[in-house]
Amino acid sequence: MKNLLLVLLIAGILSTSYMLDWPSEIEAAQDAAATYRANKAEQIDRETLEKAIQTLCGENAGWKLLADGSVQCYTHRGFKTKRVTL
């Protein structure tokens, strides 16, 4: 009788062991969702910055973001026109 209870206890533990990973899967899904939201917000910020720079430089102008945070505007032929600080 004692051995039967021990066997049933072990069988019960082993049969439910697949649930032990359950919280980590939820955490992984939450992390993935948080990463997605952060990337989406970063993309929106980048698009807003690019639109503002394009407005400052001109519709057909090219531009380059410089290391000091300023923007060098170019004509559509590649000549430097103005330098803008945001």
PDB file of N, CA and C in Angstrom:
ATOM      1  N   MET A   1       0.820  -1.190   0.000  1.00  0.00           N
ATOM      2  CA  MET A   1       0.000   0.000   0.000  1.00  0.00           C
ATOM      3  C   MET A   1       0.873   1.267   0.000  1.00  0.00           C
ATOM      4  N   LYS A   2       1.917   1.225   0.806  1.00  0.00           N
ATOM      5  CA  LYS A   2       2.822   2.361   0.887  1.00  0.00           C
ATOM      6  C   LYS A   2       3.535   2.579  -0.453  1.00  0.00           C
ATOM      7  N   ASN A   3       3.932   1.485  -1.076  1.00  0.00           N
ATOM      8  CA  ASN A   3       4.613   1.587  -2.373  1.00  0.00           C
ATOM      9  C   ASN A   3       3.661   2.100  -3.455  1.00  0.00           C
ATOM     10  N   LEU A   4       2.407   1.681  -3.376  1.00  0.00           N
ATOM     11  CA  LEU A   4       1.419   2.126  -4.351  1.00  0.00           C
ATOM     12  C   LEU A   4       1.206   3.648  -4.245  1.00  0.00           C
ATOM     13  N   LEU A   5       1.117   4.171  -3.034  1.00  0.00           N
ATOM     14  CA  LEU A   5       0.966   5.609  -2.848  1.00  0.00           C
ATOM     15  C   LEU A   5       2.191   6.363  -3.366  1.00  0.00           C
ATOM     16  N   LEU A   6       3.364   5.805  -3.125  1.00  0.00           N
ATOM     17  CA  LEU A   6       4.594   6.419  -3.599  1.00  0.00           C
ATOM     18  C   LEU A   6       4.640   6.434  -5.127  1.00  0.00           C
ATOM     19  N   VAL A   7       4.250   5.337  -5.737  1.00  0.00           N
ATOM     20  CA  VAL A   7       4.227   5.255  -7.198  1.00  0.00           C
ATOM     21  C   VAL A   7       3.206   6.243  -7.768  1.00  0.00           C
ATOM     22  N   LEU A   8       2.027   6.341  -7.161  1.00  0.00           N
ATOM     23  CA  LEU A   8       1.007   7.275  -7.632  1.00  0.00           C
ATOM     24  C   LEU A   8       1.467   8.717  -7.462  1.00  0.00           C
ATOM     25  N   LEU A   9       2.158   9.014  -6.367  1.00  0.00           N
ATOM     26  CA  LEU A   9       2.680  10.353  -6.145  1.00  0.00           C
ATOM     27  C   LEU A   9       3.724  10.721  -7.199  1.00  0.00           C
ATOM     28  N   ILE A  10       4.627   9.798  -7.470  1.00  0.00           N
ATOM     29  CA  ILE A  10       5.657  10.040  -8.489  1.00  0.00           C
ATOM     30  C   ILE A  10       5.020  10.180  -9.871  1.00  0.00           C
ATOM     31  N   ALA A  11       4.050   9.339 -10.177  1.00  0.00           N
ATOM     32  CA  ALA A  11       3.362   9.424 -11.461  1.00  0.00           C
ATOM     33  C   ALA A  11       2.628  10.753 -11.598  1.00  0.00           C
ATOM     34  N   GLY A  12       2.012  11.204 -10.523  1.00  0.00           N
ATOM     35  CA  GLY A  12       1.314  12.491 -10.546  1.00  0.00           C
ATOM     36  C   GLY A  12       2.277  13.644 -10.779  1.00  0.00           C
ATOM     37  N   ILE A  13       3.414  13.601 -10.112  1.00  0.00           N
ATOM     38  CA  ILE A  13       4.416  14.660 -10.289  1.00  0.00           C
ATOM     39  C   ILE A  13       4.958  14.657 -11.709  1.00  0.00           C
ATOM     40  N   LEU A  14       5.275  13.487 -12.233  1.00  0.00           N
ATOM     41  CA  LEU A  14       5.821  13.405 -13.590  1.00  0.00           C
ATOM     42  C   LEU A  14       4.786  13.781 -14.652  1.00  0.00           C
ATOM     43  N   SER A  15       3.534  13.472 -14.393  1.00  0.00           N
ATOM     44  CA  SER A  15       2.512  13.792 -15.394  1.00  0.00           C
ATOM     45  C   SER A  15       2.206  15.289 -15.445  1.00  0.00           C
ATOM     46  N   THR A  16       2.513  16.017 -14.399  1.00  0.00           N
ATOM     47  CA  THR A  16       2.266  17.457 -14.397  1.00  0.00           C
ATOM     48  C   THR A  16       3.551  18.268 -14.583  1.00  0.00           C
ATOM     49  N   SER A  17       4.652  17.614 -14.837  1.00  0.00           N
ATOM     50  CA  SER A  17       5.922  18.332 -14.948  1.00  0.00           C
ATOM     51  C   SER A  17       5.986  19.231 -16.187  1.00  0.00           C
ATOM     52  N   TYR A  18       5.151  18.968 -17.194  1.00  0.00           N
ATOM     53  CA  TYR A  18       5.151  19.827 -18.381  1.00  0.00           C
ATOM     54  C   TYR A  18       4.652  21.226 -18.045  1.00  0.00           C
ATOM     55  N   MET A  19       3.926  21.382 -16.947  1.00  0.00           N
ATOM     56  CA  MET A  19       3.422  22.689 -16.548  1.00  0.00           C
ATOM     57  C   MET A  19       4.488  23.547 -15.871  1.00  0.00           C
ATOM     58  N   LEU A  20       5.608  22.978 -15.541  1.00  0.00           N
ATOM     59  CA  LEU A  20       6.646  23.728 -14.846  1.00  0.00           C
ATOM     60  C   LEU A  20       7.223  24.833 -15.710  1.00  0.00           C
ATOM     61  N   ASP A  21       7.160  24.691 -17.023  1.00  0.00           N
ATOM     62  CA  ASP A  21       7.677  25.705 -17.942  1.00  0.00           C
ATOM     63  C   ASP A  21       6.671  26.806 -18.229  1.00  0.00           C
ATOM     64  N   TRP A  22       5.472  26.658 -17.774  1.00  0.00           N
ATOM     65  CA  TRP A  22       4.395  27.567 -18.116  1.00  0.00           C
ATOM     66  C   TRP A  22       4.684  29.024 -17.763  1.00  0.00           C
ATOM     67  N   PRO A  23       5.133  29.367 -16.565  1.00  0.00           N
ATOM     68  CA  PRO A  23       5.382  30.785 -16.283  1.00  0.00           C
ATOM     69  C   PRO A  23       6.481  31.394 -17.161  1.00  0.00           C
ATOM     70  N   SER A  24       7.502  30.627 -17.502  1.00  0.00           N
ATOM     71  CA  SER A  24       8.562  31.194 -18.328  1.00  0.00           C
ATOM     72  C   SER A  24       8.064  31.480 -19.747  1.00  0.00           C
ATOM     73  N   GLU A  25       7.116  30.713 -20.235  1.00  0.00           N
ATOM     74  CA  GLU A  25       6.541  30.986 -21.551  1.00  0.00           C
ATOM     75  C   GLU A  25       5.731  32.276 -21.523  1.00  0.00           C
ATOM     76  N   ILE A  26       5.040  32.515 -20.430  1.00  0.00           N
ATOM     77  CA  ILE A  26       4.282  33.753 -20.292  1.00  0.00           C
ATOM     78  C   ILE A  26       5.247  34.939 -20.231  1.00  0.00           C
ATOM     79  N   GLU A  27       6.308  34.792 -19.461  1.00  0.00           N
ATOM     80  CA  GLU A  27       7.295  35.864 -19.366  1.00  0.00           C
ATOM     81  C   GLU A  27       7.942  36.133 -20.720  1.00  0.00           C
ATOM     82  N   ALA A  28       8.203  35.087 -21.480  1.00  0.00           N
ATOM     83  CA  ALA A  28       8.793  35.264 -22.807  1.00  0.00           C
ATOM     84  C   ALA A  28       7.831  36.011 -23.726  1.00  0.00           C
ATOM     85  N   ALA A  29       6.558  35.692 -23.643  1.00  0.00           N
ATOM     86  CA  ALA A  29       5.564  36.388 -24.463  1.00  0.00           C
ATOM     87  C   ALA A  29       5.447  37.850 -24.041  1.00  0.00           C
ATOM     88  N   GLN A  30       5.494  38.108 -22.734  1.00  0.00           N
ATOM     89  CA  GLN A  30       5.431  39.488 -22.248  1.00  0.00           C
ATOM     90  C   GLN A  30       6.670  40.270 -22.681  1.00  0.00           C
ATOM     91  N   ASP A  31       7.830  39.635 -22.620  1.00  0.00           N
ATOM     92  CA  ASP A  31       9.064  40.287 -23.063  1.00  0.00           C
ATOM     93  C   ASP A  31       9.013  40.596 -24.554  1.00  0.00           C
ATOM     94  N   ALA A  32       8.496  39.654 -25.332  1.00  0.00           N
ATOM     95  CA  ALA A  32       8.382  39.871 -26.774  1.00  0.00           C
ATOM     96  C   ALA A  32       7.427  41.024 -27.071  1.00  0.00           C
ATOM     97  N   ALA A  33       6.325  41.098 -26.341  1.00  0.00           N
ATOM     98  CA  ALA A  33       5.368  42.189 -26.538  1.00  0.00           C
ATOM     99  C   ALA A  33       5.980  43.529 -26.141  1.00  0.00           C
ATOM    100  N   ALA A  34       6.732  43.558 -25.043  1.00  0.00           N
ATOM    101  CA  ALA A  34       7.379  44.795 -24.607  1.00  0.00           C
ATOM    102  C   ALA A  34       8.431  45.240 -25.615  1.00  0.00           C
ATOM    103  N   THR A  35       9.184  44.290 -26.155  1.00  0.00           N
ATOM    104  CA  THR A  35      10.185  44.607 -27.173  1.00  0.00           C
ATOM    105  C   THR A  35       9.515  45.160 -28.425  1.00  0.00           C
ATOM    106  N   TYR A  36       8.414  44.562 -28.821  1.00  0.00           N
ATOM    107  CA  TYR A  36       7.669  45.037 -29.992  1.00  0.00           C
ATOM    108  C   TYR A  36       7.192  46.469 -29.781  1.00  0.00           C
ATOM    109  N   ARG A  37       6.619  46.742 -28.591  1.00  0.00           N
ATOM    110  CA  ARG A  37       6.128  48.094 -28.310  1.00  0.00           C
ATOM    111  C   ARG A  37       7.271  49.105 -28.313  1.00  0.00           C
ATOM    112  N   ALA A  38       8.410  48.727 -27.734  1.00  0.00           N
ATOM    113  CA  ALA A  38       9.563  49.636 -27.706  1.00  0.00           C
ATOM    114  C   ALA A  38      10.080  49.911 -29.115  1.00  0.00           C
ATOM    115  N   ASN A  39      10.169  48.865 -29.934  1.00  0.00           N
ATOM    116  CA  ASN A  39      10.636  49.032 -31.312  1.00  0.00           C
ATOM    117  C   ASN A  39       9.662  49.882 -32.124  1.00  0.00           C
ATOM    118  N   LYS A  40       8.372  49.684 -31.892  1.00  0.00           N
ATOM    119  CA  LYS A  40       7.359  50.453 -32.613  1.00  0.00           C
ATOM    120  C   LYS A  40       7.448  51.927 -32.231  1.00  0.00           C
ATOM    121  N   ALA A  41       7.632  52.211 -30.933  1.00  0.00           N
ATOM    122  CA  ALA A  41       7.761  53.594 -30.480  1.00  0.00           C
ATOM    123  C   ALA A  41       9.026  54.237 -31.053  1.00  0.00           C
ATOM    124  N   GLU A  42      10.115  53.465 -31.103  1.00  0.00           N
ATOM    125  CA  GLU A  42      11.360  53.973 -31.674  1.00  0.00           C
ATOM    126  C   GLU A  42      11.197  54.270 -33.164  1.00  0.00           C
ATOM    127  N   GLN A  43      10.477  53.406 -33.855  1.00  0.00           N
ATOM    128  CA  GLN A  43      10.236  53.609 -35.292  1.00  0.00           C
ATOM    129  C   GLN A  43       9.400  54.868 -35.527  1.00  0.00           C
ATOM    130  N   ILE A  44       8.400  55.079 -34.696  1.00  0.00           N
ATOM    131  CA  ILE A  44       7.558  56.274 -34.828  1.00  0.00           C
ATOM    132  C   ILE A  44       8.380  57.527 -34.552  1.00  0.00           C
ATOM    133  N   ASP A  45       9.229  57.477 -33.517  1.00  0.00           N
ATOM    134  CA  ASP A  45      10.091  58.618 -33.216  1.00  0.00           C
ATOM    135  C   ASP A  45      11.034  58.907 -34.374  1.00  0.00           C
ATOM    136  N   ARG A  46      11.592  57.863 -34.958  1.00  0.00           N
ATOM    137  CA  ARG A  46      12.517  58.025 -36.085  1.00  0.00           C
ATOM    138  C   ARG A  46      11.806  58.635 -37.298  1.00  0.00           C
ATOM    139  N   GLU A  47      10.596  58.149 -37.579  1.00  0.00           N
ATOM    140  CA  GLU A  47       9.831  58.688 -38.706  1.00  0.00           C
ATOM    141  C   GLU A  47       9.477  60.153 -38.484  1.00  0.00           C
ATOM    142  N   THR A  48       9.141  60.515 -37.249  1.00  0.00           N
ATOM    143  CA  THR A  48       8.830  61.908 -36.924  1.00  0.00           C
ATOM    144  C   THR A  48      10.061  62.780 -37.109  1.00  0.00           C
ATOM    145  N   LEU A  49      11.231  62.298 -36.658  1.00  0.00           N
ATOM    146  CA  LEU A  49      12.478  63.039 -36.823  1.00  0.00           C
ATOM    147  C   LEU A  49      12.807  63.227 -38.306  1.00  0.00           C
ATOM    148  N   GLU A  50      12.676  62.163 -39.082  1.00  0.00           N
ATOM    149  CA  GLU A  50      12.978  62.246 -40.511  1.00  0.00           C
ATOM    150  C   GLU A  50      12.045  63.225 -41.227  1.00  0.00           C
ATOM    151  N   LYS A  51      10.775  63.223 -40.840  1.00  0.00           N
ATOM    152  CA  LYS A  51       9.819  64.144 -41.454  1.00  0.00           C
ATOM    153  C   LYS A  51      10.174  65.588 -41.107  1.00  0.00           C
ATOM    154  N   ALA A  52      10.566  65.846 -39.852  1.00  0.00           N
ATOM    155  CA  ALA A  52      10.949  67.201 -39.445  1.00  0.00           C
ATOM    156  C   ALA A  52      12.201  67.655 -40.181  1.00  0.00           C
ATOM    157  N   ILE A  53      13.178  66.775 -40.310  1.00  0.00           N
ATOM    158  CA  ILE A  53      14.409  67.120 -41.026  1.00  0.00           C
ATOM    159  C   ILE A  53      14.118  67.395 -42.493  1.00  0.00           C
ATOM    160  N   GLN A  54      13.289  66.572 -43.098  1.00  0.00           N
ATOM    161  CA  GLN A  54      12.946  66.763 -44.513  1.00  0.00           C
ATOM    162  C   GLN A  54      12.238  68.097 -44.710  1.00  0.00           C
ATOM    163  N   THR A  55      11.399  68.484 -43.758  1.00  0.00           N
ATOM    164  CA  THR A  55      10.720  69.778 -43.844  1.00  0.00           C
ATOM    165  C   THR A  55      11.725  70.917 -43.740  1.00  0.00           C
ATOM    166  N   LEU A  56      12.707  70.797 -42.842  1.00  0.00           N
ATOM    167  CA  LEU A  56      13.714  71.842 -42.684  1.00  0.00           C
ATOM    168  C   LEU A  56      14.616  71.958 -43.905  1.00  0.00           C
ATOM    169  N   CYS A  57      15.006  70.832 -44.466  1.00  0.00           N
ATOM    170  CA  CYS A  57      15.946  70.848 -45.597  1.00  0.00           C
ATOM    171  C   CYS A  57      15.260  71.134 -46.925  1.00  0.00           C
ATOM    172  N   GLY A  58      14.035  70.730 -47.059  1.00  0.00           N
ATOM    173  CA  GLY A  58      13.316  70.935 -48.315  1.00  0.00           C
ATOM    174  C   GLY A  58      12.779  69.624 -48.841  1.00  0.00           C
ATOM    175  N   GLU A  59      11.791  69.731 -49.695  1.00  0.00           N
ATOM    176  CA  GLU A  59      11.083  68.549 -50.187  1.00  0.00           C
ATOM    177  C   GLU A  59      11.982  67.592 -50.971  1.00  0.00           C
ATOM    178  N   ASN A  60      12.803  68.132 -51.863  1.00  0.00           N
ATOM    179  CA  ASN A  60      13.643  67.290 -52.719  1.00  0.00           C
ATOM    180  C   ASN A  60      15.074  67.165 -52.222  1.00  0.00           C
ATOM    181  N   ALA A  61      15.349  67.721 -51.049  1.00  0.00           N
ATOM    182  CA  ALA A  61      16.722  67.742 -50.547  1.00  0.00           C
ATOM    183  C   ALA A  61      17.081  66.431 -49.862  1.00  0.00           C
ATOM    184  N   GLY A  62      18.362  66.134 -49.938  1.00  0.00           N
ATOM    185  CA  GLY A  62      18.889  65.029 -49.171  1.00  0.00           C
ATOM    186  C   GLY A  62      19.459  65.562 -47.873  1.00  0.00           C
ATOM    187  N   TRP A  63      19.713  64.694 -46.932  1.00  0.00           N
ATOM    188  CA  TRP A  63      20.271  65.148 -45.664  1.00  0.00           C
ATOM    189  C   TRP A  63      21.067  64.019 -45.023  1.00  0.00           C
ATOM    190  N   LYS A  64      21.940  64.418 -44.104  1.00  0.00           N
ATOM    191  CA  LYS A  64      22.767  63.449 -43.394  1.00  0.00           C
ATOM    192  C   LYS A  64      22.843  63.888 -41.941  1.00  0.00           C
ATOM    193  N   LEU A  65      22.570  62.972 -41.029  1.00  0.00           N
ATOM    194  CA  LEU A  65      22.661  63.243 -39.606  1.00  0.00           C
ATOM    195  C   LEU A  65      24.123  63.116 -39.192  1.00  0.00           C
ATOM    196  N   LEU A  66      24.686  64.191 -38.662  1.00  0.00           N
ATOM    197  CA  LEU A  66      26.096  64.212 -38.297  1.00  0.00           C
ATOM    198  C   LEU A  66      26.297  63.746 -36.854  1.00  0.00           C
ATOM    199  N   ALA A  67      27.535  63.459 -36.495  1.00  0.00           N
ATOM    200  CA  ALA A  67      27.854  62.902 -35.183  1.00  0.00           C
ATOM    201  C   ALA A  67      27.527  63.861 -34.042  1.00  0.00           C
ATOM    202  N   ASP A  68      27.609  65.165 -34.284  1.00  0.00           N
ATOM    203  CA  ASP A  68      27.338  66.125 -33.212  1.00  0.00           C
ATOM    204  C   ASP A  68      25.850  66.418 -33.041  1.00  0.00           C
ATOM    205  N   GLY A  69      25.004  65.729 -33.778  1.00  0.00           N
ATOM    206  CA  GLY A  69      23.560  65.890 -33.652  1.00  0.00           C
ATOM    207  C   GLY A  69      22.969  66.879 -34.635  1.00  0.00           C
ATOM    208  N   SER A  70      23.788  67.545 -35.397  1.00  0.00           N
ATOM    209  CA  SER A  70      23.267  68.476 -36.396  1.00  0.00           C
ATOM    210  C   SER A  70      23.003  67.728 -37.702  1.00  0.00           C
ATOM    211  N   VAL A  71      22.348  68.421 -38.612  1.00  0.00           N
ATOM    212  CA  VAL A  71      21.955  67.822 -39.889  1.00  0.00           C
ATOM    213  C   VAL A  71      22.562  68.638 -41.022  1.00  0.00           C
ATOM    214  N   GLN A  72      23.208  67.960 -41.941  1.00  0.00           N
ATOM    215  CA  GLN A  72      23.750  68.614 -43.135  1.00  0.00           C
ATOM    216  C   GLN A  72      22.774  68.375 -44.273  1.00  0.00           C
ATOM    217  N   CYS A  73      22.251  69.472 -44.824  1.00  0.00           N
ATOM    218  CA  CYS A  73      21.320  69.367 -45.948  1.00  0.00           C
ATOM    219  C   CYS A  73      22.095  69.426 -47.263  1.00  0.00           C
ATOM    220  N   TYR A  74      21.594  68.707 -48.262  1.00  0.00           N
ATOM    221  CA  TYR A  74      22.207  68.662 -49.587  1.00  0.00           C
ATOM    222  C   TYR A  74      21.140  68.949 -50.635  1.00  0.00           C
ATOM    223  N   THR A  75      21.563  69.489 -51.759  1.00  0.00           N
ATOM    224  CA  THR A  75      20.644  69.624 -52.888  1.00  0.00           C
ATOM    225  C   THR A  75      20.445  68.241 -53.501  1.00  0.00           C
ATOM    226  N   HIS A  76      19.524  68.147 -54.413  1.00  0.00           N
ATOM    227  CA  HIS A  76      19.295  66.846 -55.058  1.00  0.00           C
ATOM    228  C   HIS A  76      20.477  66.446 -55.943  1.00  0.00           C
ATOM    229  N   ARG A  77      21.393  67.385 -56.181  1.00  0.00           N
ATOM    230  CA  ARG A  77      22.596  67.069 -56.953  1.00  0.00           C
ATOM    231  C   ARG A  77      23.800  66.788 -56.068  1.00  0.00           C
ATOM    232  N   GLY A  78      23.633  66.887 -54.751  1.00  0.00           N
ATOM    233  CA  GLY A  78      24.705  66.526 -53.843  1.00  0.00           C
ATOM    234  C   GLY A  78      25.528  67.668 -53.291  1.00  0.00           C
ATOM    235  N   PHE A  79      25.149  68.917 -53.582  1.00  0.00           N
ATOM    236  CA  PHE A  79      25.884  70.059 -53.047  1.00  0.00           C
ATOM    237  C   PHE A  79      25.369  70.408 -51.657  1.00  0.00           C
ATOM    238  N   LYS A  80      26.271  70.760 -50.754  1.00  0.00           N
ATOM    239  CA  LYS A  80      25.868  71.151 -49.397  1.00  0.00           C
ATOM    240  C   LYS A  80      25.148  72.488 -49.449  1.00  0.00           C
ATOM    241  N   THR A  81      24.034  72.573 -48.745  1.00  0.00           N
ATOM    242  CA  THR A  81      23.296  73.831 -48.717  1.00  0.00           C
ATOM    243  C   THR A  81      23.335  74.472 -47.334  1.00  0.00           C
ATOM    244  N   LYS A  82      22.827  73.803 -46.345  1.00  0.00           N
ATOM    245  CA  LYS A  82      22.817  74.402 -45.010  1.00  0.00           C
ATOM    246  C   LYS A  82      22.996  73.320 -43.958  1.00  0.00           C
ATOM    247  N   ARG A  83      23.379  73.775 -42.780  1.00  0.00           N
ATOM    248  CA  ARG A  83      23.561  72.887 -41.652  1.00  0.00           C
ATOM    249  C   ARG A  83      22.556  73.295 -40.581  1.00  0.00           C
ATOM    250  N   VAL A  84      21.752  72.346 -40.128  1.00  0.00           N
ATOM    251  CA  VAL A  84      20.675  72.636 -39.199  1.00  0.00           C
ATOM    252  C   VAL A  84      20.926  71.897 -37.903  1.00  0.00           C
ATOM    253  N   THR A  85      20.687  72.576 -36.775  1.00  0.00           N
ATOM    254  CA  THR A  85      20.783  71.928 -35.473  1.00  0.00           C
ATOM    255  C   THR A  85      19.382  71.744 -34.937  1.00  0.00           C
ATOM    256  N   LEU A  86      19.081  70.567 -34.498  1.00  0.00           N
ATOM    257  CA  LEU A  86      17.729  70.294 -33.979  1.00  0.00           C
ATOM    258  C   LEU A  86      17.640  70.608 -32.517  1.00  0.00           C
TER     259      LEU A  86
END
